[in-house]
């Protein structure tokens, strides 16, 4: 599918975002997906399984990339800068769950 669409478009996709699924930063996935996009967001660790130390709707909304993409794109038109901002949002979410992740011994990661 990706080979077809990038061929039809005549250029690579801007982004493939696998930041939610677990263990999608393996070398096999990088080899499969990166040839079709300029940027790839993934993790080499299981994602999820943690709770915020002090859960609030504001914390969830302020760290949700789907909700924040409009703000990220209004701050910059450079895709790389926007995606770094998207990773920063997830890092902030991890910070809100720091004690829970330490207590549960859960590691998290997202990379661009």
N, C-alpha and C. Protein backbone atom coordinates (compact mmCIF):
# COMPACT_ATOMS: atom_id res chain seq x y z
N UNK A 1 0.82 -1.18 0.00
CA UNK A 1 0.00 0.00 0.00
C UNK A 1 0.88 1.26 0.00
N UNK A 2 1.88 1.31 0.89
CA UNK A 2 2.74 2.49 0.95
C UNK A 2 3.53 2.68 -0.34
N UNK A 3 4.00 1.60 -0.92
CA UNK A 3 4.73 1.69 -2.19
C UNK A 3 3.82 2.27 -3.27
N UNK A 4 2.58 1.80 -3.30
CA UNK A 4 1.63 2.30 -4.30
C UNK A 4 1.38 3.80 -4.13
N UNK A 5 1.06 4.23 -2.91
CA UNK A 5 0.68 5.63 -2.70
C UNK A 5 1.85 6.58 -2.86
N UNK A 6 3.03 6.20 -2.40
CA UNK A 6 4.16 7.09 -2.61
C UNK A 6 4.52 7.17 -4.08
N UNK A 7 4.33 6.07 -4.82
CA UNK A 7 4.56 6.09 -6.26
C UNK A 7 3.53 6.99 -6.94
N UNK A 8 2.27 6.89 -6.54
CA UNK A 8 1.22 7.73 -7.12
C UNK A 8 1.46 9.21 -6.81
N UNK A 9 1.89 9.51 -5.58
CA UNK A 9 2.15 10.90 -5.20
C UNK A 9 3.41 11.44 -5.87
N UNK A 10 4.36 10.56 -6.08
CA UNK A 10 5.64 10.99 -6.65
C UNK A 10 6.63 11.48 -5.61
N UNK A 11 6.32 11.29 -4.35
CA UNK A 11 7.24 11.67 -3.28
C UNK A 11 6.88 10.90 -2.01
N UNK A 12 7.79 10.94 -1.03
CA UNK A 12 7.55 10.26 0.24
C UNK A 12 6.46 10.98 1.04
N UNK A 13 5.80 10.24 1.91
CA UNK A 13 4.86 10.83 2.86
C UNK A 13 5.65 11.69 3.84
N UNK A 14 5.01 12.65 4.44
CA UNK A 14 5.69 13.49 5.41
C UNK A 14 5.99 12.74 6.69
N UNK A 15 5.05 11.88 7.13
CA UNK A 15 5.17 11.25 8.43
C UNK A 15 4.39 9.94 8.47
N UNK A 16 4.98 8.97 9.10
CA UNK A 16 4.26 7.78 9.56
C UNK A 16 4.40 7.79 11.07
N UNK A 17 3.28 7.87 11.77
CA UNK A 17 3.27 8.00 13.23
C UNK A 17 2.81 6.69 13.86
N UNK A 18 3.76 5.93 14.34
CA UNK A 18 3.46 4.69 15.06
C UNK A 18 3.80 4.88 16.53
N UNK A 19 3.66 6.12 17.02
CA UNK A 19 4.03 6.45 18.39
C UNK A 19 3.17 5.79 19.44
N UNK A 20 2.00 5.32 19.08
CA UNK A 20 1.14 4.66 20.06
C UNK A 20 1.42 3.17 20.18
N UNK A 21 1.54 2.45 19.06
CA UNK A 21 1.76 1.01 19.17
C UNK A 21 3.11 0.68 19.80
N UNK A 22 3.14 -0.41 20.50
CA UNK A 22 4.35 -0.84 21.18
C UNK A 22 5.36 -1.44 20.21
N UNK A 23 6.62 -1.24 20.53
CA UNK A 23 7.74 -1.92 19.87
C UNK A 23 7.71 -1.77 18.35
N UNK A 24 7.41 -0.58 17.86
CA UNK A 24 7.41 -0.35 16.41
C UNK A 24 8.67 0.38 15.97
N UNK A 25 9.66 0.45 16.83
CA UNK A 25 10.92 1.08 16.48
C UNK A 25 12.01 0.06 16.20
N UNK A 26 11.61 -1.16 15.91
CA UNK A 26 12.60 -2.20 15.61
C UNK A 26 13.26 -1.92 14.27
N UNK A 27 14.39 -2.54 14.03
CA UNK A 27 15.08 -2.33 12.75
C UNK A 27 14.23 -2.79 11.57
N UNK A 28 13.48 -3.87 11.74
CA UNK A 28 12.63 -4.36 10.65
C UNK A 28 11.56 -3.32 10.30
N UNK A 29 10.94 -2.72 11.32
CA UNK A 29 9.93 -1.70 11.07
C UNK A 29 10.55 -0.44 10.46
N UNK A 30 11.71 -0.05 10.95
CA UNK A 30 12.39 1.11 10.38
C UNK A 30 12.69 0.88 8.91
N UNK A 31 13.16 -0.31 8.59
CA UNK A 31 13.47 -0.63 7.20
C UNK A 31 12.20 -0.62 6.34
N UNK A 32 11.11 -1.16 6.87
CA UNK A 32 9.86 -1.23 6.12
C UNK A 32 9.19 0.13 5.92
N UNK A 33 9.18 0.96 6.93
CA UNK A 33 8.41 2.20 6.88
C UNK A 33 9.21 3.43 6.45
N UNK A 34 10.47 3.52 6.83
CA UNK A 34 11.22 4.76 6.60
C UNK A 34 11.51 5.02 5.13
N UNK A 35 11.46 4.02 4.30
CA UNK A 35 11.69 4.27 2.89
C UNK A 35 10.48 4.96 2.24
N UNK A 36 9.37 5.06 2.97
CA UNK A 36 8.16 5.68 2.43
C UNK A 36 7.81 7.01 3.08
N UNK A 37 8.60 7.47 4.04
CA UNK A 37 8.27 8.73 4.70
C UNK A 37 9.53 9.51 5.06
N UNK A 38 9.34 10.81 5.21
CA UNK A 38 10.45 11.66 5.64
C UNK A 38 10.75 11.43 7.11
N UNK A 39 9.69 11.24 7.90
CA UNK A 39 9.83 11.06 9.34
C UNK A 39 8.98 9.88 9.80
N UNK A 40 9.45 9.24 10.86
CA UNK A 40 8.78 8.08 11.44
C UNK A 40 8.83 8.23 12.95
N UNK A 41 7.68 8.15 13.61
CA UNK A 41 7.62 8.22 15.07
C UNK A 41 7.26 6.83 15.58
N UNK A 42 8.09 6.35 16.50
CA UNK A 42 7.88 5.00 17.01
C UNK A 42 8.55 4.85 18.37
N UNK A 43 8.36 3.70 18.95
CA UNK A 43 8.98 3.36 20.23
C UNK A 43 9.56 1.96 20.14
N UNK A 44 10.67 1.75 20.83
CA UNK A 44 11.24 0.41 20.91
C UNK A 44 10.83 -0.27 22.22
N UNK A 45 9.96 0.39 22.98
CA UNK A 45 9.49 -0.14 24.26
C UNK A 45 7.97 -0.26 24.22
N UNK A 46 7.40 -1.12 25.09
CA UNK A 46 5.95 -1.15 25.19
C UNK A 46 5.43 0.23 25.61
N UNK A 47 4.36 0.69 25.00
CA UNK A 47 3.75 1.98 25.37
C UNK A 47 2.50 1.73 26.19
N UNK A 48 2.27 2.61 27.14
CA UNK A 48 1.07 2.50 27.96
C UNK A 48 1.31 1.70 29.23
N UNK A 49 0.24 1.36 29.89
CA UNK A 49 0.33 0.60 31.12
C UNK A 49 0.63 1.46 32.34
N UNK A 50 0.54 2.77 32.19
CA UNK A 50 0.80 3.66 33.32
C UNK A 50 -0.40 4.57 33.53
N UNK A 51 -0.44 5.17 34.72
CA UNK A 51 -1.50 6.13 35.04
C UNK A 51 -0.83 7.42 35.49
N UNK A 52 -1.51 8.53 35.28
CA UNK A 52 -0.97 9.81 35.74
C UNK A 52 -0.98 9.84 37.26
N UNK A 53 0.04 10.47 37.82
CA UNK A 53 0.12 10.58 39.28
C UNK A 53 -1.02 11.41 39.84
N UNK A 54 -1.43 12.42 39.10
CA UNK A 54 -2.53 13.30 39.51
C UNK A 54 -3.34 13.61 38.25
N UNK A 55 -4.27 12.74 37.90
CA UNK A 55 -4.99 12.81 36.63
C UNK A 55 -5.90 14.02 36.58
N UNK A 56 -5.81 14.77 35.47
CA UNK A 56 -6.77 15.84 35.18
C UNK A 56 -7.03 15.86 33.68
N UNK A 57 -8.17 16.36 33.31
CA UNK A 57 -8.52 16.50 31.89
C UNK A 57 -7.54 17.45 31.22
N UNK A 58 -7.16 18.52 31.91
CA UNK A 58 -6.23 19.49 31.32
C UNK A 58 -4.88 18.84 30.99
N UNK A 59 -4.38 17.98 31.86
CA UNK A 59 -3.10 17.31 31.59
C UNK A 59 -3.22 16.38 30.39
N UNK A 60 -4.31 15.67 30.30
CA UNK A 60 -4.51 14.76 29.17
C UNK A 60 -4.64 15.56 27.87
N UNK A 61 -5.48 16.58 27.87
CA UNK A 61 -5.68 17.37 26.66
C UNK A 61 -4.41 18.11 26.24
N UNK A 62 -3.64 18.60 27.20
CA UNK A 62 -2.44 19.36 26.86
C UNK A 62 -1.31 18.50 26.34
N UNK A 63 -1.41 17.18 26.51
CA UNK A 63 -0.35 16.29 26.04
C UNK A 63 -0.80 15.38 24.91
N UNK A 64 -2.04 15.51 24.47
CA UNK A 64 -2.56 14.67 23.40
C UNK A 64 -2.20 15.28 22.05
N UNK A 65 -1.32 14.61 21.27
CA UNK A 65 -0.92 15.19 19.98
C UNK A 65 -2.10 15.45 19.04
N UNK A 66 -3.10 14.58 19.04
CA UNK A 66 -4.25 14.80 18.16
C UNK A 66 -4.95 16.11 18.47
N UNK A 67 -5.01 16.48 19.73
CA UNK A 67 -5.65 17.73 20.14
C UNK A 67 -4.71 18.91 19.93
N UNK A 68 -3.42 18.69 20.04
CA UNK A 68 -2.45 19.78 20.02
C UNK A 68 -1.80 20.05 18.66
N UNK A 69 -2.04 19.19 17.66
CA UNK A 69 -1.39 19.41 16.36
C UNK A 69 -1.69 20.80 15.79
N UNK A 70 -2.92 21.30 15.97
CA UNK A 70 -3.24 22.63 15.44
C UNK A 70 -2.34 23.70 16.04
N UNK A 71 -2.06 23.59 17.33
CA UNK A 71 -1.19 24.56 18.00
C UNK A 71 0.25 24.40 17.52
N UNK A 72 0.68 23.15 17.40
CA UNK A 72 2.05 22.90 16.95
C UNK A 72 2.29 23.46 15.56
N UNK A 73 1.31 23.26 14.65
CA UNK A 73 1.46 23.78 13.30
C UNK A 73 1.31 25.30 13.25
N UNK A 74 0.58 25.90 14.18
CA UNK A 74 0.49 27.37 14.19
C UNK A 74 1.79 27.98 14.70
N UNK A 75 2.54 27.24 15.51
CA UNK A 75 3.83 27.73 16.02
C UNK A 75 4.94 27.62 14.99
N UNK A 76 4.82 26.66 14.05
CA UNK A 76 5.88 26.45 13.05
C UNK A 76 5.30 25.77 11.83
N UNK A 77 5.83 26.11 10.67
CA UNK A 77 5.43 25.42 9.45
C UNK A 77 6.46 24.36 9.05
N UNK A 78 7.51 24.21 9.86
CA UNK A 78 8.55 23.22 9.61
C UNK A 78 8.12 21.89 10.20
N UNK A 79 7.93 20.88 9.37
CA UNK A 79 7.41 19.59 9.83
C UNK A 79 8.29 18.98 10.92
N UNK A 80 9.60 19.07 10.77
CA UNK A 80 10.51 18.49 11.76
C UNK A 80 10.29 19.16 13.13
N UNK A 81 10.17 20.47 13.17
CA UNK A 81 9.94 21.18 14.43
C UNK A 81 8.61 20.79 15.05
N UNK A 82 7.58 20.64 14.22
CA UNK A 82 6.26 20.23 14.71
C UNK A 82 6.34 18.84 15.33
N UNK A 83 7.05 17.94 14.68
CA UNK A 83 7.14 16.57 15.19
C UNK A 83 7.99 16.49 16.45
N UNK A 84 9.01 17.32 16.55
CA UNK A 84 9.76 17.39 17.81
C UNK A 84 8.83 17.88 18.92
N UNK A 85 7.99 18.86 18.62
CA UNK A 85 6.99 19.32 19.59
C UNK A 85 6.02 18.22 19.97
N UNK A 86 5.66 17.36 19.02
CA UNK A 86 4.76 16.24 19.29
C UNK A 86 5.43 15.26 20.25
N UNK A 87 6.72 14.99 20.06
CA UNK A 87 7.46 14.12 20.98
C UNK A 87 7.55 14.77 22.36
N UNK A 88 7.77 16.08 22.41
CA UNK A 88 7.83 16.78 23.68
C UNK A 88 6.52 16.66 24.46
N UNK A 89 5.38 16.66 23.76
CA UNK A 89 4.10 16.48 24.44
C UNK A 89 4.03 15.13 25.15
N UNK A 90 4.48 14.10 24.46
CA UNK A 90 4.46 12.75 25.05
C UNK A 90 5.43 12.68 26.22
N UNK A 91 6.59 13.32 26.10
CA UNK A 91 7.53 13.35 27.21
C UNK A 91 6.91 14.04 28.43
N UNK A 92 6.14 15.11 28.19
CA UNK A 92 5.46 15.79 29.29
C UNK A 92 4.45 14.85 29.95
N UNK A 93 3.72 14.08 29.13
CA UNK A 93 2.77 13.11 29.67
C UNK A 93 3.49 12.10 30.56
N UNK A 94 4.64 11.61 30.10
CA UNK A 94 5.43 10.68 30.92
C UNK A 94 5.82 11.34 32.25
N UNK A 95 6.14 12.62 32.21
CA UNK A 95 6.49 13.34 33.43
C UNK A 95 5.33 13.41 34.41
N UNK A 96 4.11 13.52 33.89
CA UNK A 96 2.93 13.54 34.75
C UNK A 96 2.67 12.19 35.39
N UNK A 97 3.29 11.15 34.89
CA UNK A 97 3.09 9.79 35.42
C UNK A 97 4.38 9.21 36.01
N UNK A 98 5.33 10.08 36.29
CA UNK A 98 6.66 9.64 36.71
C UNK A 98 6.61 8.67 37.90
N UNK A 99 5.93 9.05 38.96
CA UNK A 99 5.93 8.20 40.15
C UNK A 99 5.25 6.86 39.87
N UNK A 100 4.14 6.88 39.12
CA UNK A 100 3.46 5.64 38.77
C UNK A 100 4.37 4.73 37.96
N UNK A 101 5.12 5.29 37.02
CA UNK A 101 6.01 4.47 36.20
C UNK A 101 7.18 3.93 37.03
N UNK A 102 7.69 4.72 37.97
CA UNK A 102 8.76 4.24 38.85
C UNK A 102 8.23 3.11 39.72
N UNK A 103 7.08 3.32 40.34
CA UNK A 103 6.50 2.30 41.22
C UNK A 103 6.18 1.01 40.46
N UNK A 104 5.69 1.15 39.22
CA UNK A 104 5.29 -0.01 38.42
C UNK A 104 6.44 -0.57 37.58
N UNK A 105 7.59 0.11 37.60
CA UNK A 105 8.76 -0.30 36.81
C UNK A 105 8.41 -0.40 35.32
N UNK A 106 7.76 0.66 34.82
CA UNK A 106 7.34 0.71 33.42
C UNK A 106 8.17 1.75 32.69
N UNK A 107 8.88 1.33 31.66
CA UNK A 107 9.65 2.26 30.83
C UNK A 107 8.83 2.65 29.62
N UNK A 108 8.99 3.89 29.18
CA UNK A 108 8.27 4.41 28.02
C UNK A 108 9.27 5.14 27.12
N UNK A 109 8.97 5.20 25.83
CA UNK A 109 9.83 5.94 24.91
C UNK A 109 9.08 6.24 23.62
N UNK A 110 9.43 7.34 23.00
CA UNK A 110 8.98 7.71 21.65
C UNK A 110 10.13 8.43 21.00
N UNK A 111 10.34 8.14 19.72
CA UNK A 111 11.47 8.72 18.99
C UNK A 111 11.00 9.23 17.64
N UNK A 112 11.70 10.23 17.14
CA UNK A 112 11.48 10.73 15.79
C UNK A 112 12.65 10.29 14.94
